[in-house]
Amino acid sequence: MMALISTGLWLMNSEILYAALFGGLFLAFFNGSTETLVPAIVGDEIQVDMIPRTLGVIYIGADLGAMLGPIISLAVIDAGLLSVSQLYLSCIGLLAISTLVSLITSARENIRV
């Protein structure tokens, strides 16, 4: 799923308008499907009495990211540290790192992916 989200980000980085628009739709579709999997995974893996607290922590983290992400990215672009294209590529890199961490963690815990 993360690879598909990265593909959407990569397409959004395109200078071709239709490829960028398709990348945005691609990203929104697969990101939305990832968000619907979180409660299902939490429900399967977490003790029943800890589900509300766990979901609360996950959604607080997501809300903080949604709040701070645009502010930080616009500040980075405004300061001239990165261009928009470089920012998209760095997001792809972060997704790649999180995918590797997830795969390593699931391999250690013998979870089938």
PDB file of N, CA and C in Angstrom:
ATOM      1  N   MET A   1       0.823  -1.181   0.000  1.00  0.00           N
ATOM      2  CA  MET A   1       0.000   0.000   0.000  1.00  0.00           C
ATOM      3  C   MET A   1       0.878   1.259   0.000  1.00  0.00           C
ATOM      4  N   MET A   2       1.958   1.223   0.785  1.00  0.00           N
ATOM      5  CA  MET A   2       2.855   2.383   0.845  1.00  0.00           C
ATOM      6  C   MET A   2       3.503   2.629  -0.519  1.00  0.00           C
ATOM      7  N   ALA A   3       3.801   1.565  -1.249  1.00  0.00           N
ATOM      8  CA  ALA A   3       4.401   1.736  -2.574  1.00  0.00           C
ATOM      9  C   ALA A   3       3.415   2.433  -3.513  1.00  0.00           C
ATOM     10  N   LEU A   4       2.137   2.121  -3.390  1.00  0.00           N
ATOM     11  CA  LEU A   4       1.128   2.764  -4.231  1.00  0.00           C
ATOM     12  C   LEU A   4       0.972   4.238  -3.857  1.00  0.00           C
ATOM     13  N   ILE A   5       1.032   4.538  -2.565  1.00  0.00           N
ATOM     14  CA  ILE A   5       0.967   5.930  -2.123  1.00  0.00           C
ATOM     15  C   ILE A   5       2.178   6.694  -2.645  1.00  0.00           C
ATOM     16  N   SER A   6       3.351   6.061  -2.592  1.00  0.00           N
ATOM     17  CA  SER A   6       4.559   6.699  -3.123  1.00  0.00           C
ATOM     18  C   SER A   6       4.440   6.947  -4.624  1.00  0.00           C
ATOM     19  N   THR A   7       3.806   6.029  -5.329  1.00  0.00           N
ATOM     20  CA  THR A   7       3.595   6.213  -6.763  1.00  0.00           C
ATOM     21  C   THR A   7       2.720   7.439  -7.023  1.00  0.00           C
ATOM     22  N   GLY A   8       1.688   7.617  -6.210  1.00  0.00           N
ATOM     23  CA  GLY A   8       0.844   8.798  -6.337  1.00  0.00           C
ATOM     24  C   GLY A   8       1.621  10.082  -6.097  1.00  0.00           C
ATOM     25  N   LEU A   9       2.490  10.075  -5.082  1.00  0.00           N
ATOM     26  CA  LEU A   9       3.325  11.251  -4.814  1.00  0.00           C
ATOM     27  C   LEU A   9       4.271  11.523  -5.973  1.00  0.00           C
ATOM     28  N   TRP A  10       4.846  10.453  -6.519  1.00  0.00           N
ATOM     29  CA  TRP A  10       5.778  10.617  -7.638  1.00  0.00           C
ATOM     30  C   TRP A  10       5.074  11.212  -8.850  1.00  0.00           C
ATOM     31  N   LEU A  11       3.850  10.738  -9.110  1.00  0.00           N
ATOM     32  CA  LEU A  11       3.084  11.282 -10.237  1.00  0.00           C
ATOM     33  C   LEU A  11       2.698  12.739 -10.001  1.00  0.00           C
ATOM     34  N   MET A  12       2.403  13.098  -8.753  1.00  0.00           N
ATOM     35  CA  MET A  12       2.072  14.492  -8.456  1.00  0.00           C
ATOM     36  C   MET A  12       3.259  15.414  -8.705  1.00  0.00           C
ATOM     37  N   ASN A  13       4.443  14.868  -8.678  1.00  0.00           N
ATOM     38  CA  ASN A  13       5.661  15.629  -8.913  1.00  0.00           C
ATOM     39  C   ASN A  13       5.886  15.916 -10.396  1.00  0.00           C
ATOM     40  N   SER A  14       5.070  15.320 -11.243  1.00  0.00           N
ATOM     41  CA  SER A  14       5.241  15.450 -12.690  1.00  0.00           C
ATOM     42  C   SER A  14       4.913  16.859 -13.175  1.00  0.00           C
ATOM     43  N   GLU A  15       5.592  17.268 -14.227  1.00  0.00           N
ATOM     44  CA  GLU A  15       5.296  18.557 -14.849  1.00  0.00           C
ATOM     45  C   GLU A  15       4.121  18.451 -15.819  1.00  0.00           C
ATOM     46  N   ILE A  16       3.712  17.237 -16.142  1.00  0.00           N
ATOM     47  CA  ILE A  16       2.557  17.011 -17.016  1.00  0.00           C
ATOM     48  C   ILE A  16       1.298  17.117 -16.152  1.00  0.00           C
ATOM     49  N   LEU A  17       0.421  18.023 -16.508  1.00  0.00           N
ATOM     50  CA  LEU A  17      -0.752  18.330 -15.687  1.00  0.00           C
ATOM     51  C   LEU A  17      -1.602  17.095 -15.408  1.00  0.00           C
ATOM     52  N   TYR A  18      -1.905  16.315 -16.431  1.00  0.00           N
ATOM     53  CA  TYR A  18      -2.781  15.159 -16.243  1.00  0.00           C
ATOM     54  C   TYR A  18      -2.127  14.080 -15.380  1.00  0.00           C
ATOM     55  N   ALA A  19      -0.826  13.925 -15.489  1.00  0.00           N
ATOM     56  CA  ALA A  19      -0.132  12.966 -14.638  1.00  0.00           C
ATOM     57  C   ALA A  19      -0.176  13.423 -13.187  1.00  0.00           C
ATOM     58  N   ALA A  20      -0.005  14.714 -12.961  1.00  0.00           N
ATOM     59  CA  ALA A  20      -0.062  15.246 -11.600  1.00  0.00           C
ATOM     60  C   ALA A  20      -1.467  15.096 -11.009  1.00  0.00           C
ATOM     61  N   LEU A  21      -2.494  15.370 -11.815  1.00  0.00           N
ATOM     62  CA  LEU A  21      -3.873  15.204 -11.341  1.00  0.00           C
ATOM     63  C   LEU A  21      -4.187  13.739 -11.049  1.00  0.00           C
ATOM     64  N   PHE A  22      -3.760  12.848 -11.935  1.00  0.00           N
ATOM     65  CA  PHE A  22      -3.953  11.420 -11.698  1.00  0.00           C
ATOM     66  C   PHE A  22      -3.219  10.978 -10.441  1.00  0.00           C
ATOM     67  N   GLY A  23      -2.015  11.509 -10.224  1.00  0.00           N
ATOM     68  CA  GLY A  23      -1.260  11.182  -9.019  1.00  0.00           C
ATOM     69  C   GLY A  23      -1.989  11.616  -7.763  1.00  0.00           C
ATOM     70  N   GLY A  24      -2.623  12.800  -7.811  1.00  0.00           N
ATOM     71  CA  GLY A  24      -3.400  13.258  -6.656  1.00  0.00           C
ATOM     72  C   GLY A  24      -4.579  12.347  -6.364  1.00  0.00           C
ATOM     73  N   LEU A  25      -5.292  11.931  -7.407  1.00  0.00           N
ATOM     74  CA  LEU A  25      -6.405  10.991  -7.218  1.00  0.00           C
ATOM     75  C   LEU A  25      -5.913   9.634  -6.720  1.00  0.00           C
ATOM     76  N   PHE A  26      -4.818   9.175  -7.282  1.00  0.00           N
ATOM     77  CA  PHE A  26      -4.202   7.903  -6.895  1.00  0.00           C
ATOM     78  C   PHE A  26      -3.819   7.945  -5.416  1.00  0.00           C
ATOM     79  N   LEU A  27      -3.176   9.047  -5.025  1.00  0.00           N
ATOM     80  CA  LEU A  27      -2.746   9.228  -3.636  1.00  0.00           C
ATOM     81  C   LEU A  27      -3.944   9.264  -2.698  1.00  0.00           C
ATOM     82  N   ALA A  28      -4.967  10.020  -3.041  1.00  0.00           N
ATOM     83  CA  ALA A  28      -6.147  10.134  -2.179  1.00  0.00           C
ATOM     84  C   ALA A  28      -6.852   8.788  -2.020  1.00  0.00           C
ATOM     85  N   PHE A  29      -6.958   8.043  -3.104  1.00  0.00           N
ATOM     86  CA  PHE A  29      -7.640   6.742  -3.034  1.00  0.00           C
ATOM     87  C   PHE A  29      -6.913   5.779  -2.107  1.00  0.00           C
ATOM     88  N   PHE A  30      -5.608   5.609  -2.312  1.00  0.00           N
ATOM     89  CA  PHE A  30      -4.883   4.619  -1.516  1.00  0.00           C
ATOM     90  C   PHE A  30      -4.611   5.104  -0.101  1.00  0.00           C
ATOM     91  N   ASN A  31      -4.484   6.410   0.095  1.00  0.00           N
ATOM     92  CA  ASN A  31      -4.329   6.925   1.448  1.00  0.00           C
ATOM     93  C   ASN A  31      -5.622   6.718   2.227  1.00  0.00           C
ATOM     94  N   GLY A  32      -6.759   6.933   1.583  1.00  0.00           N
ATOM     95  CA  GLY A  32      -8.043   6.706   2.233  1.00  0.00           C
ATOM     96  C   GLY A  32      -8.260   5.250   2.593  1.00  0.00           C
ATOM     97  N   SER A  33      -7.813   4.348   1.739  1.00  0.00           N
ATOM     98  CA  SER A  33      -7.969   2.928   2.053  1.00  0.00           C
ATOM     99  C   SER A  33      -7.053   2.508   3.193  1.00  0.00           C
ATOM    100  N   THR A  34      -5.910   3.169   3.328  1.00  0.00           N
ATOM    101  CA  THR A  34      -5.019   2.878   4.459  1.00  0.00           C
ATOM    102  C   THR A  34      -5.661   3.323   5.767  1.00  0.00           C
ATOM    103  N   GLU A  35      -6.310   4.476   5.751  1.00  0.00           N
ATOM    104  CA  GLU A  35      -6.941   4.988   6.965  1.00  0.00           C
ATOM    105  C   GLU A  35      -8.083   4.110   7.442  1.00  0.00           C
ATOM    106  N   THR A  36      -8.747   3.417   6.539  1.00  0.00           N
ATOM    107  CA  THR A  36      -9.833   2.531   6.964  1.00  0.00           C
ATOM    108  C   THR A  36      -9.315   1.217   7.516  1.00  0.00           C
ATOM    109  N   LEU A  37      -8.075   0.860   7.206  1.00  0.00           N
ATOM    110  CA  LEU A  37      -7.511  -0.384   7.728  1.00  0.00           C
ATOM    111  C   LEU A  37      -7.054  -0.261   9.178  1.00  0.00           C
ATOM    112  N   VAL A  38      -6.722   0.938   9.613  1.00  0.00           N
ATOM    113  CA  VAL A  38      -6.163   1.131  10.953  1.00  0.00           C
ATOM    114  C   VAL A  38      -7.104   0.611  12.053  1.00  0.00           C
ATOM    115  N   PRO A  39      -8.382   1.009  12.094  1.00  0.00           N
ATOM    116  CA  PRO A  39      -9.248   0.485  13.156  1.00  0.00           C
ATOM    117  C   PRO A  39      -9.406  -1.036  13.105  1.00  0.00           C
ATOM    118  N   ALA A  40      -9.401  -1.602  11.899  1.00  0.00           N
ATOM    119  CA  ALA A  40      -9.522  -3.062  11.787  1.00  0.00           C
ATOM    120  C   ALA A  40      -8.299  -3.759  12.366  1.00  0.00           C
ATOM    121  N   ILE A  41      -7.122  -3.245  12.062  1.00  0.00           N
ATOM    122  CA  ILE A  41      -5.892  -3.847  12.585  1.00  0.00           C
ATOM    123  C   ILE A  41      -5.819  -3.678  14.099  1.00  0.00           C
ATOM    124  N   VAL A  42      -6.167  -2.493  14.589  1.00  0.00           N
ATOM    125  CA  VAL A  42      -6.164  -2.249  16.035  1.00  0.00           C
ATOM    126  C   VAL A  42      -7.146  -3.188  16.719  1.00  0.00           C
ATOM    127  N   GLY A  43      -8.324  -3.349  16.136  1.00  0.00           N
ATOM    128  CA  GLY A  43      -9.316  -4.251  16.722  1.00  0.00           C
ATOM    129  C   GLY A  43      -8.853  -5.695  16.785  1.00  0.00           C
ATOM    130  N   ASP A  44      -8.038  -6.114  15.821  1.00  0.00           N
ATOM    131  CA  ASP A  44      -7.544  -7.486  15.795  1.00  0.00           C
ATOM    132  C   ASP A  44      -6.352  -7.706  16.724  1.00  0.00           C
ATOM    133  N   GLU A  45      -5.523  -6.685  16.894  1.00  0.00           N
ATOM    134  CA  GLU A  45      -4.242  -6.877  17.572  1.00  0.00           C
ATOM    135  C   GLU A  45      -4.167  -6.349  19.003  1.00  0.00           C
ATOM    136  N   ILE A  46      -5.069  -5.489  19.426  1.00  0.00           N
ATOM    137  CA  ILE A  46      -4.987  -4.827  20.722  1.00  0.00           C
ATOM    138  C   ILE A  46      -6.047  -5.402  21.655  1.00  0.00           C
ATOM    139  N   GLN A  47      -5.722  -5.447  22.950  1.00  0.00           N
ATOM    140  CA  GLN A  47      -6.701  -5.903  23.938  1.00  0.00           C
ATOM    141  C   GLN A  47      -7.928  -4.998  23.893  1.00  0.00           C
ATOM    142  N   VAL A  48      -9.088  -5.582  24.162  1.00  0.00           N
ATOM    143  CA  VAL A  48     -10.350  -4.866  24.013  1.00  0.00           C
ATOM    144  C   VAL A  48     -10.396  -3.593  24.859  1.00  0.00           C
ATOM    145  N   ASP A  49      -9.897  -3.643  26.084  1.00  0.00           N
ATOM    146  CA  ASP A  49      -9.969  -2.463  26.945  1.00  0.00           C
ATOM    147  C   ASP A  49      -8.987  -1.357  26.539  1.00  0.00           C
ATOM    148  N   MET A  50      -8.030  -1.659  25.658  1.00  0.00           N
ATOM    149  CA  MET A  50      -7.049  -0.668  25.220  1.00  0.00           C
ATOM    150  C   MET A  50      -7.356  -0.088  23.831  1.00  0.00           C
ATOM    151  N   ILE A  51      -8.389  -0.575  23.171  1.00  0.00           N
ATOM    152  CA  ILE A  51      -8.704  -0.110  21.818  1.00  0.00           C
ATOM    153  C   ILE A  51      -9.006   1.393  21.773  1.00  0.00           C
ATOM    154  N   PRO A  52      -9.866   1.936  22.648  1.00  0.00           N
ATOM    155  CA  PRO A  52     -10.133   3.379  22.560  1.00  0.00           C
ATOM    156  C   PRO A  52      -8.880   4.240  22.768  1.00  0.00           C
ATOM    157  N   ARG A  53      -8.049   3.874  23.725  1.00  0.00           N
ATOM    158  CA  ARG A  53      -6.834   4.639  23.982  1.00  0.00           C
ATOM    159  C   ARG A  53      -5.872   4.550  22.794  1.00  0.00           C
ATOM    160  N   THR A  54      -5.725   3.367  22.236  1.00  0.00           N
ATOM    161  CA  THR A  54      -4.823   3.178  21.100  1.00  0.00           C
ATOM    162  C   THR A  54      -5.295   3.973  19.886  1.00  0.00           C
ATOM    163  N   LEU A  55      -6.585   3.895  19.587  1.00  0.00           N
ATOM    164  CA  LEU A  55      -7.115   4.665  18.460  1.00  0.00           C
ATOM    165  C   LEU A  55      -6.982   6.165  18.709  1.00  0.00           C
ATOM    166  N   GLY A  56      -7.163   6.590  19.953  1.00  0.00           N
ATOM    167  CA  GLY A  56      -6.992   7.999  20.289  1.00  0.00           C
ATOM    168  C   GLY A  56      -5.583   8.482  20.020  1.00  0.00           C
ATOM    169  N   VAL A  57      -4.597   7.685  20.411  1.00  0.00           N
ATOM    170  CA  VAL A  57      -3.198   8.055  20.169  1.00  0.00           C
ATOM    171  C   VAL A  57      -2.899   8.093  18.671  1.00  0.00           C
ATOM    172  N   ILE A  58      -3.395   7.114  17.934  1.00  0.00           N
ATOM    173  CA  ILE A  58      -3.162   7.065  16.485  1.00  0.00           C
ATOM    174  C   ILE A  58      -3.783   8.287  15.802  1.00  0.00           C
ATOM    175  N   TYR A  59      -5.027   8.600  16.156  1.00  0.00           N
ATOM    176  CA  TYR A  59      -5.699   9.727  15.498  1.00  0.00           C
ATOM    177  C   TYR A  59      -5.143  11.076  15.934  1.00  0.00           C
ATOM    178  N   ILE A  60      -4.668  11.187  17.174  1.00  0.00           N
ATOM    179  CA  ILE A  60      -4.003  12.432  17.593  1.00  0.00           C
ATOM    180  C   ILE A  60      -2.731  12.629  16.779  1.00  0.00           C
ATOM    181  N   GLY A  61      -1.969  11.558  16.592  1.00  0.00           N
ATOM    182  CA  GLY A  61      -0.760  11.648  15.765  1.00  0.00           C
ATOM    183  C   GLY A  61      -1.084  12.044  14.335  1.00  0.00           C
ATOM    184  N   ALA A  62      -2.145  11.476  13.785  1.00  0.00           N
ATOM    185  CA  ALA A  62      -2.547  11.822  12.418  1.00  0.00           C
ATOM    186  C   ALA A  62      -2.994  13.279  12.333  1.00  0.00           C
ATOM    187  N   ASP A  63      -3.744  13.740  13.342  1.00  0.00           N
ATOM    188  CA  ASP A  63      -4.196  15.135  13.334  1.00  0.00           C
ATOM    189  C   ASP A  63      -3.026  16.102  13.489  1.00  0.00           C
ATOM    190  N   LEU A  64      -2.065  15.755  14.325  1.00  0.00           N
ATOM    191  CA  LEU A  64      -0.875  16.610  14.464  1.00  0.00           C
ATOM    192  C   LEU A  64      -0.097  16.681  13.156  1.00  0.00           C
ATOM    193  N   GLY A  65       0.032  15.556  12.482  1.00  0.00           N
ATOM    194  CA  GLY A  65       0.710  15.540  11.192  1.00  0.00           C
ATOM    195  C   GLY A  65      -0.023  16.360  10.152  1.00  0.00           C
ATOM    196  N   ALA A  66      -1.359  16.262  10.157  1.00  0.00           N
ATOM    197  CA  ALA A  66      -2.147  17.044   9.208  1.00  0.00           C
ATOM    198  C   ALA A  66      -2.077  18.534   9.511  1.00  0.00           C
ATOM    199  N   MET A  67      -1.903  18.873  10.784  1.00  0.00           N
ATOM    200  CA  MET A  67      -1.815  20.278  11.154  1.00  0.00           C
ATOM    201  C   MET A  67      -0.421  20.840  10.888  1.00  0.00           C
ATOM    202  N   LEU A  68       0.602  20.109  11.295  1.00  0.00           N
ATOM    203  CA  LEU A  68       1.964  20.629  11.200  1.00  0.00           C
ATOM    204  C   LEU A  68       2.603  20.429   9.826  1.00  0.00           C
ATOM    205  N   GLY A  69       2.179  19.407   9.085  1.00  0.00           N
ATOM    206  CA  GLY A  69       2.775  19.115   7.783  1.00  0.00           C
ATOM    207  C   GLY A  69       2.753  20.282   6.812  1.00  0.00           C
ATOM    208  N   PRO A  70       1.589  20.870   6.561  1.00  0.00           N
ATOM    209  CA  PRO A  70       1.560  22.008   5.632  1.00  0.00           C
ATOM    210  C   PRO A  70       2.355  23.212   6.135  1.00  0.00           C
ATOM    211  N   ILE A  71       2.298  23.466   7.435  1.00  0.00           N
ATOM    212  CA  ILE A  71       3.028  24.610   7.995  1.00  0.00           C
ATOM    213  C   ILE A  71       4.526  24.429   7.801  1.00  0.00           C
ATOM    214  N   ILE A  72       5.014  23.243   8.136  1.00  0.00           N
ATOM    215  CA  ILE A  72       6.452  22.978   8.007  1.00  0.00           C
ATOM    216  C   ILE A  72       6.877  22.978   6.545  1.00  0.00           C
ATOM    217  N   SER A  73       6.076  22.331   5.689  1.00  0.00           N
ATOM    218  CA  SER A  73       6.472  22.268   4.274  1.00  0.00           C
ATOM    219  C   SER A  73       6.480  23.649   3.628  1.00  0.00           C
ATOM    220  N   LEU A  74       5.487  24.482   3.935  1.00  0.00           N
ATOM    221  CA  LEU A  74       5.487  25.834   3.379  1.00  0.00           C
ATOM    222  C   LEU A  74       6.651  26.670   3.917  1.00  0.00           C
ATOM    223  N   ALA A  75       7.005  26.468   5.181  1.00  0.00           N
ATOM    224  CA  ALA A  75       8.147  27.183   5.740  1.00  0.00           C
ATOM    225  C   ALA A  75       9.447  26.748   5.066  1.00  0.00           C
ATOM    226  N   VAL A  76       9.577  25.449   4.788  1.00  0.00           N
ATOM    227  CA  VAL A  76      10.773  24.937   4.118  1.00  0.00           C
ATOM    228  C   VAL A  76      10.871  25.495   2.697  1.00  0.00           C
ATOM    229  N   ILE A  77       9.744  25.531   1.996  1.00  0.00           N
ATOM    230  CA  ILE A  77       9.739  26.074   0.633  1.00  0.00           C
ATOM    231  C   ILE A  77      10.017  27.579   0.659  1.00  0.00           C
ATOM    232  N   ASP A  78       9.366  28.305   1.588  1.00  0.00           N
ATOM    233  CA  ASP A  78       9.546  29.751   1.677  1.00  0.00           C
ATOM    234  C   ASP A  78      10.982  30.130   2.029  1.00  0.00           C
ATOM    235  N   ALA A  79      11.636  29.315   2.863  1.00  0.00           N
ATOM    236  CA  ALA A  79      13.021  29.588   3.236  1.00  0.00           C
ATOM    237  C   ALA A  79      13.989  29.227   2.114  1.00  0.00           C
ATOM    238  N   GLY A  80      13.504  28.560   1.091  1.00  0.00           N
ATOM    239  CA  GLY A  80      14.359  28.188  -0.035  1.00  0.00           C
ATOM    240  C   GLY A  80      15.215  26.966   0.234  1.00  0.00           C
ATOM    241  N   LEU A  81      14.870  26.208   1.271  1.00  0.00           N
ATOM    242  CA  LEU A  81      15.644  25.000   1.579  1.00  0.00           C
ATOM    243  C   LEU A  81      15.385  23.891   0.573  1.00  0.00           C
ATOM    244  N   LEU A  82      14.135  23.756   0.140  1.00  0.00           N
ATOM    245  CA  LEU A  82      13.760  22.734  -0.838  1.00  0.00           C
ATOM    246  C   LEU A  82      12.768  23.331  -1.825  1.00  0.00           C
ATOM    247  N   SER A  83      12.780  22.808  -3.039  1.00  0.00           N
ATOM    248  CA  SER A  83      11.736  23.170  -3.996  1.00  0.00           C
ATOM    249  C   SER A  83      10.542  22.242  -3.769  1.00  0.00           C
ATOM    250  N   VAL A  84       9.435  22.525  -4.418  1.00  0.00           N
ATOM    251  CA  VAL A  84       8.256  21.671  -4.281  1.00  0.00           C
ATOM    252  C   VAL A  84       8.576  20.253  -4.759  1.00  0.00           C
ATOM    253  N   SER A  85       9.302  20.149  -5.850  1.00  0.00           N
ATOM    254  CA  SER A  85       9.686  18.850  -6.387  1.00  0.00           C
ATOM    255  C   SER A  85      10.548  18.083  -5.388  1.00  0.00           C
ATOM    256  N   GLN A  86      11.512  18.755  -4.786  1.00  0.00           N
ATOM    257  CA  GLN A  86      12.369  18.094  -3.801  1.00  0.00           C
ATOM    258  C   GLN A  86      11.577  17.699  -2.561  1.00  0.00           C
ATOM    259  N   LEU A  87      10.590  18.509  -2.202  1.00  0.00           N
ATOM    260  CA  LEU A  87       9.756  18.185  -1.051  1.00  0.00           C
ATOM    261  C   LEU A  87       8.941  16.916  -1.302  1.00  0.00           C
ATOM    262  N   TYR A  88       8.359  16.801  -2.512  1.00  0.00           N
ATOM    263  CA  TYR A  88       7.631  15.576  -2.860  1.00  0.00           C
ATOM    264  C   TYR A  88       8.556  14.360  -2.814  1.00  0.00           C
ATOM    265  N   LEU A  89       9.754  14.502  -3.355  1.00  0.00           N
ATOM    266  CA  LEU A  89      10.697  13.386  -3.348  1.00  0.00           C
ATOM    267  C   LEU A  89      11.112  13.013  -1.928  1.00  0.00           C
ATOM    268  N   SER A  90      11.242  14.001  -1.044  1.00  0.00           N
ATOM    269  CA  SER A  90      11.585  13.683   0.349  1.00  0.00           C
ATOM    270  C   SER A  90      10.433  12.960   1.041  1.00  0.00           C
ATOM    271  N   CYS A  91       9.184  13.292   0.669  1.00  0.00           N
ATOM    272  CA  CYS A  91       8.032  12.567   1.219  1.00  0.00           C
ATOM    273  C   CYS A  91       8.043  11.106   0.764  1.00  0.00           C
ATOM    274  N   ILE A  92       8.420  10.888  -0.483  1.00  0.00           N
ATOM    275  CA  ILE A  92       8.544   9.513  -0.980  1.00  0.00           C
ATOM    276  C   ILE A  92       9.612   8.776  -0.186  1.00  0.00           C
ATOM    277  N   GLY A  93      10.714   9.448   0.113  1.00  0.00           N
ATOM    278  CA  GLY A  93      11.775   8.840   0.919  1.00  0.00           C
ATOM    279  C   GLY A  93      11.287   8.476   2.314  1.00  0.00           C
ATOM    280  N   LEU A  94      10.510   9.368   2.941  1.00  0.00           N
ATOM    281  CA  LEU A  94       9.963   9.068   4.268  1.00  0.00           C
ATOM    282  C   LEU A  94       9.020   7.867   4.225  1.00  0.00           C
ATOM    283  N   LEU A  95       8.209   7.788   3.174  1.00  0.00           N
ATOM    284  CA  LEU A  95       7.330   6.621   3.032  1.00  0.00           C
ATOM    285  C   LEU A  95       8.130   5.337   2.827  1.00  0.00           C
ATOM    286  N   ALA A  96       9.219   5.427   2.079  1.00  0.00           N
ATOM    287  CA  ALA A  96      10.069   4.251   1.867  1.00  0.00           C
ATOM    288  C   ALA A  96      10.691   3.800   3.184  1.00  0.00           C
ATOM    289  N   ILE A  97      11.146   4.743   3.987  1.00  0.00           N
ATOM    290  CA  ILE A  97      11.734   4.399   5.288  1.00  0.00           C
ATOM    291  C   ILE A  97      10.685   3.761   6.196  1.00  0.00           C
ATOM    292  N   SER A  98       9.474   4.335   6.226  1.00  0.00           N
ATOM    293  CA  SER A  98       8.435   3.757   7.084  1.00  0.00           C
ATOM    294  C   SER A  98       8.020   2.372   6.595  1.00  0.00           C
ATOM    295  N   THR A  99       8.045   2.152   5.292  1.00  0.00           N
ATOM    296  CA  THR A  99       7.745   0.826   4.755  1.00  0.00           C
ATOM    297  C   THR A  99       8.799  -0.180   5.193  1.00  0.00           C
ATOM    298  N   LEU A 100      10.068   0.194   5.103  1.00  0.00           N
ATOM    299  CA  LEU A 100      11.140  -0.708   5.546  1.00  0.00           C
ATOM    300  C   LEU A 100      11.035  -1.018   7.032  1.00  0.00           C
ATOM    301  N   VAL A 101      10.752  -0.012   7.847  1.00  0.00           N
ATOM    302  CA  VAL A 101      10.601  -0.238   9.287  1.00  0.00           C
ATOM    303  C   VAL A 101       9.434  -1.195   9.554  1.00  0.00           C
ATOM    304  N   SER A 102       8.329  -1.005   8.839  1.00  0.00           N
ATOM    305  CA  SER A 102       7.176  -1.893   9.008  1.00  0.00           C
ATOM    306  C   SER A 102       7.499  -3.322   8.599  1.00  0.00           C
ATOM    307  N   LEU A 103       8.203  -3.479   7.490  1.00  0.00           N
ATOM    308  CA  LEU A 103       8.568  -4.823   7.042  1.00  0.00           C
ATOM    309  C   LEU A 103       9.536  -5.498   8.008  1.00  0.00           C
ATOM    310  N   ILE A 104      10.500  -4.754   8.516  1.00  0.00           N
ATOM    311  CA  ILE A 104      11.455  -5.319   9.473  1.00  0.00           C
ATOM    312  C   ILE A 104      10.747  -5.716  10.761  1.00  0.00           C
ATOM    313  N   THR A 105       9.846  -4.849  11.244  1.00  0.00           N
ATOM    314  CA  THR A 105       9.102  -5.152  12.473  1.00  0.00           C
ATOM    315  C   THR A 105       8.221  -6.374  12.289  1.00  0.00           C
ATOM    316  N   SER A 106       7.518  -6.461  11.163  1.00  0.00           N
ATOM    317  CA  SER A 106       6.649  -7.621  10.939  1.00  0.00           C
ATOM    318  C   SER A 106       7.464  -8.896  10.764  1.00  0.00           C
ATOM    319  N   ALA A 107       8.657  -8.803  10.196  1.00  0.00           N
ATOM    320  CA  ALA A 107       9.508 -10.000  10.064  1.00  0.00           C
ATOM    321  C   ALA A 107       9.991 -10.470  11.425  1.00  0.00           C
ATOM    322  N   ARG A 108      10.314  -9.538  12.302  1.00  0.00           N
ATOM    323  CA  ARG A 108      10.755  -9.918  13.653  1.00  0.00           C
ATOM    324  C   ARG A 108       9.636 -10.575  14.449  1.00  0.00           C
ATOM    325  N   GLU A 109       8.399 -10.124  14.220  1.00  0.00           N
ATOM    326  CA  GLU A 109       7.277 -10.662  14.962  1.00  0.00           C
ATOM    327  C   GLU A 109       6.574 -11.796  14.208  1.00  0.00           C
ATOM    328  N   ASN A 110       7.168 -12.229  13.096  1.00  0.00           N
ATOM    329  CA  ASN A 110       6.631 -13.312  12.272  1.00  0.00           C
ATOM    330  C   ASN A 110       5.201 -13.053  11.829  1.00  0.00           C
ATOM    331  N   ILE A 111       4.940 -11.831  11.398  1.00  0.00           N
ATOM    332  CA  ILE A 111       3.621 -11.460  10.889  1.00  0.00           C
ATOM    333  C   ILE A 111       3.673 -11.548   9.366  1.00  0.00           C
ATOM    334  N   ARG A 112       2.680 -12.226   8.791  1.00  0.00           N
ATOM    335  CA  ARG A 112       2.627 -12.294   7.335  1.00  0.00           C
ATOM    336  C   ARG A 112       2.116 -10.972   6.790  1.00  0.00           C
ATOM    337  N   VAL A 113       2.788 -10.472   5.752  1.00  0.00           N
ATOM    338  CA  VAL A 113       2.392  -9.199   5.155  1.00  0.00           C
ATOM    339  C   VAL A 113       1.589  -9.454   3.908  1.00  0.00           C
TER     340      VAL A 113
END
